[in-house]
Amino acid sequence: MMQKNKEIKNKYDNHNIVLFDGVCNLCESSIQFIIKHDDKQHFHFVSQTSELGEYLLDKYALESIDSIAYISNQKAYIYSDAALEIAKNLEGWYRHLTFFRFLPRIFRDGVYKLVAKYRYKVFGKKKSCMMPSLELKSRFLD
């Protein structure tokens, strides 16, 4: 297992990875939104329940994260920081959402965690993770 983890580490260290909850409808909609506004194909995607997802959650000590996380340059971003880092790299006006960094993190994260807490009740949940189309398959790493 140790050798396999090293291979995984080396293979994906230079990717910009969005870790997502594969059964959450809100998370899937977020992934579809990112794909639509990522003309440069900056982002790659990993379900948190996949082998690679579980490895990355463990590596970056993100076991308690149950919504989207973002890993770039071997640094993990969570909650509102993850959303703002992702927005920074999207095409169009969305990159200007980083303006919200002026708000205290405790406030930004509080709103983010509130939405995350009720996301299944409001947006629903699937029985299985989404299957990417053939043209998108290379962007999904698990």
N, C-alpha and C. Protein backbone atom coordinates (compact mmCIF):
# COMPACT_ATOMS: atom_id res chain seq x y z
N MET A 1 0.83 -1.20 0.00
CA MET A 1 0.00 0.00 0.00
C MET A 1 0.87 1.26 0.00
N MET A 2 1.98 1.24 0.73
CA MET A 2 2.86 2.40 0.80
C MET A 2 3.39 2.77 -0.58
N GLN A 3 3.81 1.79 -1.38
CA GLN A 3 4.32 2.05 -2.72
C GLN A 3 3.22 2.64 -3.60
N LYS A 4 2.01 2.09 -3.49
CA LYS A 4 0.89 2.59 -4.28
C LYS A 4 0.59 4.04 -3.92
N ASN A 5 0.62 4.38 -2.62
CA ASN A 5 0.39 5.77 -2.20
C ASN A 5 1.44 6.70 -2.78
N LYS A 6 2.70 6.25 -2.83
CA LYS A 6 3.76 7.07 -3.42
C LYS A 6 3.51 7.31 -4.89
N GLU A 7 3.06 6.27 -5.61
CA GLU A 7 2.75 6.42 -7.03
C GLU A 7 1.61 7.41 -7.22
N ILE A 8 0.57 7.29 -6.39
CA ILE A 8 -0.56 8.22 -6.47
C ILE A 8 -0.07 9.64 -6.21
N LYS A 9 0.74 9.81 -5.17
CA LYS A 9 1.25 11.14 -4.81
C LYS A 9 2.00 11.76 -5.97
N ASN A 10 2.93 11.03 -6.52
CA ASN A 10 3.75 11.57 -7.60
C ASN A 10 2.93 11.89 -8.84
N LYS A 11 1.94 11.08 -9.12
CA LYS A 11 1.15 11.26 -10.34
C LYS A 11 0.27 12.51 -10.29
N TYR A 12 -0.23 12.87 -9.11
CA TYR A 12 -1.22 13.93 -9.03
C TYR A 12 -0.77 15.19 -8.29
N ASP A 13 0.47 15.28 -7.92
CA ASP A 13 0.95 16.44 -7.16
C ASP A 13 0.79 17.76 -7.91
N ASN A 14 0.88 17.75 -9.21
CA ASN A 14 0.84 19.01 -9.97
C ASN A 14 -0.53 19.31 -10.56
N HIS A 15 -1.55 18.61 -10.13
CA HIS A 15 -2.90 18.85 -10.61
C HIS A 15 -3.63 19.82 -9.67
N ASN A 16 -4.57 20.54 -10.23
CA ASN A 16 -5.48 21.38 -9.45
C ASN A 16 -6.75 20.55 -9.27
N ILE A 17 -6.94 20.04 -8.08
CA ILE A 17 -7.96 19.02 -7.83
C ILE A 17 -9.10 19.57 -6.99
N VAL A 18 -10.31 19.37 -7.49
CA VAL A 18 -11.52 19.67 -6.73
C VAL A 18 -12.03 18.33 -6.20
N LEU A 19 -12.02 18.19 -4.88
CA LEU A 19 -12.58 17.00 -4.22
C LEU A 19 -14.05 17.29 -3.93
N PHE A 20 -14.91 16.39 -4.35
CA PHE A 20 -16.34 16.66 -4.18
C PHE A 20 -17.08 15.46 -3.63
N ASP A 21 -18.23 15.73 -3.03
CA ASP A 21 -19.14 14.72 -2.52
C ASP A 21 -19.93 14.20 -3.73
N GLY A 22 -19.66 12.99 -4.14
CA GLY A 22 -20.22 12.46 -5.38
C GLY A 22 -21.71 12.20 -5.37
N VAL A 23 -22.35 12.14 -4.23
CA VAL A 23 -23.79 11.87 -4.20
C VAL A 23 -24.62 13.12 -3.93
N CYS A 24 -23.98 14.24 -3.73
CA CYS A 24 -24.66 15.50 -3.43
C CYS A 24 -25.06 16.21 -4.72
N ASN A 25 -26.34 16.51 -4.87
CA ASN A 25 -26.80 17.21 -6.07
C ASN A 25 -26.21 18.61 -6.18
N LEU A 26 -26.08 19.32 -5.07
CA LEU A 26 -25.48 20.66 -5.10
C LEU A 26 -24.01 20.57 -5.53
N CYS A 27 -23.30 19.59 -5.01
CA CYS A 27 -21.89 19.43 -5.38
C CYS A 27 -21.75 19.09 -6.86
N GLU A 28 -22.61 18.21 -7.37
CA GLU A 28 -22.56 17.87 -8.79
C GLU A 28 -22.86 19.09 -9.65
N SER A 29 -23.84 19.88 -9.25
CA SER A 29 -24.15 21.11 -9.99
C SER A 29 -22.96 22.06 -9.96
N SER A 30 -22.26 22.11 -8.83
CA SER A 30 -21.07 22.96 -8.72
C SER A 30 -19.98 22.48 -9.66
N ILE A 31 -19.79 21.16 -9.75
CA ILE A 31 -18.78 20.60 -10.66
C ILE A 31 -19.15 20.93 -12.10
N GLN A 32 -20.42 20.78 -12.46
CA GLN A 32 -20.86 21.11 -13.81
C GLN A 32 -20.64 22.59 -14.11
N PHE A 33 -20.88 23.44 -13.14
CA PHE A 33 -20.65 24.88 -13.29
C PHE A 33 -19.17 25.16 -13.52
N ILE A 34 -18.31 24.53 -12.73
CA ILE A 34 -16.86 24.73 -12.87
C ILE A 34 -16.42 24.29 -14.27
N ILE A 35 -16.86 23.13 -14.69
CA ILE A 35 -16.49 22.62 -16.02
C ILE A 35 -16.91 23.61 -17.11
N LYS A 36 -18.11 24.12 -17.00
CA LYS A 36 -18.65 25.05 -18.01
C LYS A 36 -17.84 26.34 -18.10
N HIS A 37 -17.26 26.77 -16.98
CA HIS A 37 -16.55 28.05 -16.94
C HIS A 37 -15.03 27.88 -16.80
N ASP A 38 -14.54 26.72 -17.17
CA ASP A 38 -13.11 26.40 -17.08
C ASP A 38 -12.57 26.08 -18.47
N ASP A 39 -12.56 27.09 -19.33
CA ASP A 39 -12.14 26.90 -20.72
C ASP A 39 -10.71 26.39 -20.84
N LYS A 40 -9.87 26.74 -19.91
CA LYS A 40 -8.46 26.34 -19.96
C LYS A 40 -8.22 24.96 -19.36
N GLN A 41 -9.28 24.31 -18.90
CA GLN A 41 -9.21 22.99 -18.27
C GLN A 41 -8.18 22.96 -17.15
N HIS A 42 -8.25 23.97 -16.31
CA HIS A 42 -7.38 24.14 -15.16
C HIS A 42 -7.65 23.08 -14.08
N PHE A 43 -8.91 22.69 -13.94
CA PHE A 43 -9.33 21.83 -12.84
C PHE A 43 -9.48 20.37 -13.25
N HIS A 44 -9.18 19.50 -12.27
CA HIS A 44 -9.47 18.08 -12.34
C HIS A 44 -10.35 17.75 -11.15
N PHE A 45 -11.07 16.64 -11.24
CA PHE A 45 -12.08 16.34 -10.24
C PHE A 45 -11.90 14.94 -9.68
N VAL A 46 -12.14 14.82 -8.38
CA VAL A 46 -12.01 13.53 -7.69
C VAL A 46 -13.15 13.42 -6.69
N SER A 47 -13.87 12.31 -6.77
CA SER A 47 -14.90 12.03 -5.76
C SER A 47 -14.20 11.68 -4.45
N GLN A 48 -14.73 12.19 -3.36
CA GLN A 48 -14.13 11.92 -2.05
C GLN A 48 -14.21 10.46 -1.66
N THR A 49 -15.12 9.71 -2.24
CA THR A 49 -15.27 8.31 -1.86
C THR A 49 -14.43 7.37 -2.72
N SER A 50 -13.74 7.90 -3.73
CA SER A 50 -12.87 7.06 -4.55
C SER A 50 -11.58 6.75 -3.79
N GLU A 51 -10.80 5.83 -4.30
CA GLU A 51 -9.53 5.49 -3.66
C GLU A 51 -8.60 6.71 -3.61
N LEU A 52 -8.50 7.41 -4.72
CA LEU A 52 -7.67 8.62 -4.76
C LEU A 52 -8.24 9.69 -3.84
N GLY A 53 -9.56 9.85 -3.84
CA GLY A 53 -10.20 10.82 -2.96
C GLY A 53 -9.92 10.55 -1.50
N GLU A 54 -10.04 9.29 -1.10
CA GLU A 54 -9.76 8.92 0.29
C GLU A 54 -8.30 9.16 0.64
N TYR A 55 -7.42 8.86 -0.30
CA TYR A 55 -5.98 9.11 -0.08
C TYR A 55 -5.72 10.61 0.12
N LEU A 56 -6.31 11.44 -0.73
CA LEU A 56 -6.08 12.89 -0.63
C LEU A 56 -6.71 13.46 0.64
N LEU A 57 -7.89 12.99 1.01
CA LEU A 57 -8.50 13.42 2.26
C LEU A 57 -7.60 13.11 3.45
N ASP A 58 -7.02 11.92 3.42
CA ASP A 58 -6.10 11.51 4.49
C ASP A 58 -4.81 12.33 4.45
N LYS A 59 -4.23 12.46 3.28
CA LYS A 59 -2.96 13.18 3.13
C LYS A 59 -3.05 14.61 3.64
N TYR A 60 -4.16 15.28 3.36
CA TYR A 60 -4.31 16.68 3.76
C TYR A 60 -5.16 16.84 5.02
N ALA A 61 -5.41 15.74 5.72
CA ALA A 61 -6.18 15.74 6.98
C ALA A 61 -7.53 16.42 6.81
N LEU A 62 -8.26 15.99 5.79
CA LEU A 62 -9.56 16.58 5.47
C LEU A 62 -10.71 15.61 5.74
N GLU A 63 -10.52 14.66 6.63
CA GLU A 63 -11.53 13.64 6.87
C GLU A 63 -12.89 14.22 7.25
N SER A 64 -12.92 15.34 7.91
CA SER A 64 -14.18 15.90 8.37
C SER A 64 -14.86 16.79 7.32
N ILE A 65 -14.25 16.96 6.18
CA ILE A 65 -14.84 17.79 5.13
C ILE A 65 -15.90 16.97 4.41
N ASP A 66 -17.11 17.48 4.34
CA ASP A 66 -18.16 16.75 3.65
C ASP A 66 -18.75 17.56 2.49
N SER A 67 -18.00 18.51 2.02
CA SER A 67 -18.41 19.26 0.83
C SER A 67 -17.16 19.44 -0.03
N ILE A 68 -17.15 20.41 -0.89
CA ILE A 68 -16.03 20.59 -1.81
C ILE A 68 -14.77 21.08 -1.10
N ALA A 69 -13.63 20.50 -1.49
CA ALA A 69 -12.31 20.97 -1.07
C ALA A 69 -11.50 21.16 -2.34
N TYR A 70 -10.46 21.97 -2.28
CA TYR A 70 -9.65 22.25 -3.46
C TYR A 70 -8.18 22.11 -3.09
N ILE A 71 -7.43 21.38 -3.92
CA ILE A 71 -6.01 21.18 -3.70
C ILE A 71 -5.25 21.75 -4.89
N SER A 72 -4.33 22.66 -4.62
CA SER A 72 -3.51 23.27 -5.67
C SER A 72 -2.12 23.51 -5.11
N ASN A 73 -1.11 23.21 -5.90
CA ASN A 73 0.28 23.38 -5.48
C ASN A 73 0.54 22.73 -4.12
N GLN A 74 -0.04 21.55 -3.94
CA GLN A 74 0.12 20.75 -2.73
C GLN A 74 -0.38 21.46 -1.47
N LYS A 75 -1.35 22.36 -1.65
CA LYS A 75 -1.99 23.04 -0.53
C LYS A 75 -3.49 22.82 -0.62
N ALA A 76 -4.12 22.50 0.50
CA ALA A 76 -5.56 22.25 0.52
C ALA A 76 -6.31 23.48 1.00
N TYR A 77 -7.41 23.77 0.32
CA TYR A 77 -8.31 24.86 0.68
C TYR A 77 -9.66 24.25 1.02
N ILE A 78 -10.29 24.76 2.06
CA ILE A 78 -11.58 24.24 2.48
C ILE A 78 -12.57 25.38 2.67
N TYR A 79 -13.84 25.00 2.73
CA TYR A 79 -14.94 25.91 2.96
C TYR A 79 -14.91 27.10 1.99
N SER A 80 -15.08 28.30 2.48
CA SER A 80 -15.16 29.46 1.58
C SER A 80 -13.85 29.72 0.86
N ASP A 81 -12.73 29.40 1.48
CA ASP A 81 -11.44 29.58 0.80
C ASP A 81 -11.36 28.70 -0.45
N ALA A 82 -11.88 27.48 -0.38
CA ALA A 82 -11.90 26.59 -1.54
C ALA A 82 -12.75 27.20 -2.65
N ALA A 83 -13.94 27.66 -2.30
CA ALA A 83 -14.83 28.25 -3.30
C ALA A 83 -14.20 29.48 -3.95
N LEU A 84 -13.56 30.32 -3.15
CA LEU A 84 -12.95 31.54 -3.70
C LEU A 84 -11.72 31.24 -4.54
N GLU A 85 -10.94 30.25 -4.15
CA GLU A 85 -9.77 29.84 -4.95
C GLU A 85 -10.22 29.28 -6.29
N ILE A 86 -11.29 28.50 -6.26
CA ILE A 86 -11.83 27.96 -7.51
C ILE A 86 -12.33 29.10 -8.39
N ALA A 87 -13.11 30.00 -7.81
CA ALA A 87 -13.66 31.12 -8.57
C ALA A 87 -12.55 31.96 -9.21
N LYS A 88 -11.45 32.10 -8.52
CA LYS A 88 -10.32 32.90 -9.02
C LYS A 88 -9.81 32.37 -10.36
N ASN A 89 -9.98 31.09 -10.61
CA ASN A 89 -9.45 30.47 -11.82
C ASN A 89 -10.51 30.20 -12.88
N LEU A 90 -11.72 30.69 -12.69
CA LEU A 90 -12.77 30.51 -13.68
C LEU A 90 -12.74 31.63 -14.72
N GLU A 91 -13.29 31.34 -15.88
CA GLU A 91 -13.41 32.34 -16.93
C GLU A 91 -14.61 33.24 -16.63
N GLY A 92 -14.52 34.48 -17.05
CA GLY A 92 -15.64 35.40 -16.89
C GLY A 92 -15.59 36.18 -15.58
N TRP A 93 -16.71 36.76 -15.25
CA TRP A 93 -16.77 37.65 -14.09
C TRP A 93 -16.65 36.90 -12.77
N TYR A 94 -16.77 35.59 -12.77
CA TYR A 94 -16.75 34.80 -11.54
C TYR A 94 -15.45 34.97 -10.77
N ARG A 95 -14.36 35.23 -11.48
CA ARG A 95 -13.08 35.40 -10.79
C ARG A 95 -13.10 36.60 -9.85
N HIS A 96 -14.02 37.51 -10.09
CA HIS A 96 -14.11 38.70 -9.23
C HIS A 96 -14.81 38.41 -7.89
N LEU A 97 -15.32 37.21 -7.74
CA LEU A 97 -15.92 36.83 -6.46
C LEU A 97 -14.89 36.80 -5.34
N THR A 98 -13.62 36.77 -5.70
CA THR A 98 -12.56 36.80 -4.68
C THR A 98 -12.62 38.10 -3.87
N PHE A 99 -13.37 39.05 -4.36
CA PHE A 99 -13.62 40.28 -3.62
C PHE A 99 -14.15 39.98 -2.21
N PHE A 100 -14.86 38.86 -2.06
CA PHE A 100 -15.44 38.51 -0.77
C PHE A 100 -14.41 38.09 0.27
N ARG A 101 -13.15 38.03 -0.12
CA ARG A 101 -12.10 37.73 0.87
C ARG A 101 -12.00 38.83 1.93
N PHE A 102 -12.52 40.00 1.62
CA PHE A 102 -12.47 41.08 2.61
C PHE A 102 -13.34 40.76 3.82
N LEU A 103 -14.32 39.88 3.65
CA LEU A 103 -15.16 39.49 4.78
C LEU A 103 -14.36 38.57 5.70
N PRO A 104 -14.58 38.66 6.98
CA PRO A 104 -13.86 37.77 7.90
C PRO A 104 -14.16 36.31 7.57
N ARG A 105 -13.15 35.46 7.63
CA ARG A 105 -13.30 34.04 7.31
C ARG A 105 -14.37 33.39 8.18
N ILE A 106 -14.46 33.78 9.43
CA ILE A 106 -15.46 33.15 10.32
C ILE A 106 -16.87 33.38 9.78
N PHE A 107 -17.12 34.54 9.19
CA PHE A 107 -18.43 34.82 8.59
C PHE A 107 -18.61 34.03 7.30
N ARG A 108 -17.61 34.09 6.40
CA ARG A 108 -17.68 33.37 5.12
C ARG A 108 -17.87 31.88 5.35
N ASP A 109 -17.05 31.31 6.26
CA ASP A 109 -17.14 29.88 6.53
C ASP A 109 -18.46 29.53 7.21
N GLY A 110 -18.97 30.41 8.04
CA GLY A 110 -20.26 30.16 8.69
C GLY A 110 -21.38 30.01 7.68
N VAL A 111 -21.42 30.90 6.70
CA VAL A 111 -22.43 30.81 5.65
C VAL A 111 -22.22 29.54 4.83
N TYR A 112 -20.97 29.26 4.49
CA TYR A 112 -20.65 28.06 3.70
C TYR A 112 -21.09 26.80 4.45
N LYS A 113 -20.75 26.70 5.73
CA LYS A 113 -21.09 25.51 6.52
C LYS A 113 -22.60 25.36 6.69
N LEU A 114 -23.31 26.47 6.78
CA LEU A 114 -24.77 26.41 6.90
C LEU A 114 -25.38 25.79 5.63
N VAL A 115 -24.94 26.26 4.48
CA VAL A 115 -25.41 25.69 3.21
C VAL A 115 -25.04 24.21 3.13
N ALA A 116 -23.79 23.88 3.49
CA ALA A 116 -23.32 22.49 3.43
C ALA A 116 -24.15 21.59 4.35
N LYS A 117 -24.50 22.10 5.50
CA LYS A 117 -25.26 21.30 6.48
C LYS A 117 -26.62 20.88 5.95
N TYR A 118 -27.28 21.76 5.20
CA TYR A 118 -28.64 21.49 4.72
C TYR A 118 -28.70 21.14 3.24
N ARG A 119 -27.55 20.89 2.62
CA ARG A 119 -27.53 20.68 1.17
C ARG A 119 -28.33 19.44 0.75
N TYR A 120 -28.32 18.37 1.52
CA TYR A 120 -29.09 17.18 1.14
C TYR A 120 -30.59 17.45 1.26
N LYS A 121 -30.99 18.16 2.31
CA LYS A 121 -32.41 18.47 2.49
C LYS A 121 -32.93 19.38 1.38
N VAL A 122 -32.16 20.37 1.03
CA VAL A 122 -32.61 21.36 0.04
C VAL A 122 -32.42 20.87 -1.39
N PHE A 123 -31.26 20.30 -1.70
CA PHE A 123 -30.92 19.95 -3.08
C PHE A 123 -31.03 18.46 -3.38
N GLY A 124 -31.09 17.64 -2.36
CA GLY A 124 -31.23 16.20 -2.56
C GLY A 124 -29.90 15.47 -2.64
N LYS A 125 -30.04 14.15 -2.76
CA LYS A 125 -28.88 13.26 -2.73
C LYS A 125 -29.14 12.12 -3.72
N LYS A 126 -28.09 11.67 -4.38
CA LYS A 126 -28.19 10.55 -5.31
C LYS A 126 -27.70 9.27 -4.66
N LYS A 127 -27.98 8.17 -5.29
CA LYS A 127 -27.52 6.88 -4.77
C LYS A 127 -26.09 6.59 -5.20
N SER A 128 -25.65 7.20 -6.28
CA SER A 128 -24.28 6.95 -6.76
C SER A 128 -23.69 8.22 -7.36
N CYS A 129 -22.39 8.19 -7.53
CA CYS A 129 -21.64 9.31 -8.06
C CYS A 129 -21.92 9.48 -9.55
N MET A 130 -21.81 10.70 -10.04
CA MET A 130 -22.05 10.98 -11.46
C MET A 130 -20.99 10.30 -12.33
N MET A 131 -21.37 9.94 -13.53
CA MET A 131 -20.44 9.35 -14.49
C MET A 131 -20.14 10.42 -15.55
N PRO A 132 -18.88 10.81 -15.70
CA PRO A 132 -18.55 11.84 -16.68
C PRO A 132 -18.70 11.32 -18.11
N SER A 133 -19.00 12.22 -19.02
CA SER A 133 -19.07 11.85 -20.43
C SER A 133 -17.68 11.51 -20.93
N LEU A 134 -17.59 10.90 -22.09
CA LEU A 134 -16.29 10.50 -22.64
C LEU A 134 -15.35 11.70 -22.81
N GLU A 135 -15.89 12.83 -23.26
CA GLU A 135 -15.04 14.01 -23.46
C GLU A 135 -14.55 14.63 -22.15
N LEU A 136 -15.23 14.36 -21.05
CA LEU A 136 -14.83 14.89 -19.75
C LEU A 136 -14.05 13.89 -18.91
N LYS A 137 -14.04 12.64 -19.32
CA LYS A 137 -13.45 11.57 -18.52
C LYS A 137 -12.00 11.86 -18.10
N SER A 138 -11.22 12.49 -18.95
CA SER A 138 -9.81 12.76 -18.62
C SER A 138 -9.67 13.78 -17.48
N ARG A 139 -10.71 14.54 -17.20
CA ARG A 139 -10.65 15.55 -16.14
C ARG A 139 -11.02 14.98 -14.78
N PHE A 140 -11.58 13.75 -14.78
CA PHE A 140 -11.94 13.06 -13.54
C PHE A 140 -10.84 12.04 -13.26
N LEU A 141 -10.18 12.17 -12.13
CA LEU A 141 -8.98 11.40 -11.86
C LEU A 141 -9.22 10.09 -11.15
N ASP A 142 -10.43 9.79 -10.78
CA ASP A 142 -10.67 8.53 -10.06
C ASP A 142 -11.41 7.54 -10.91
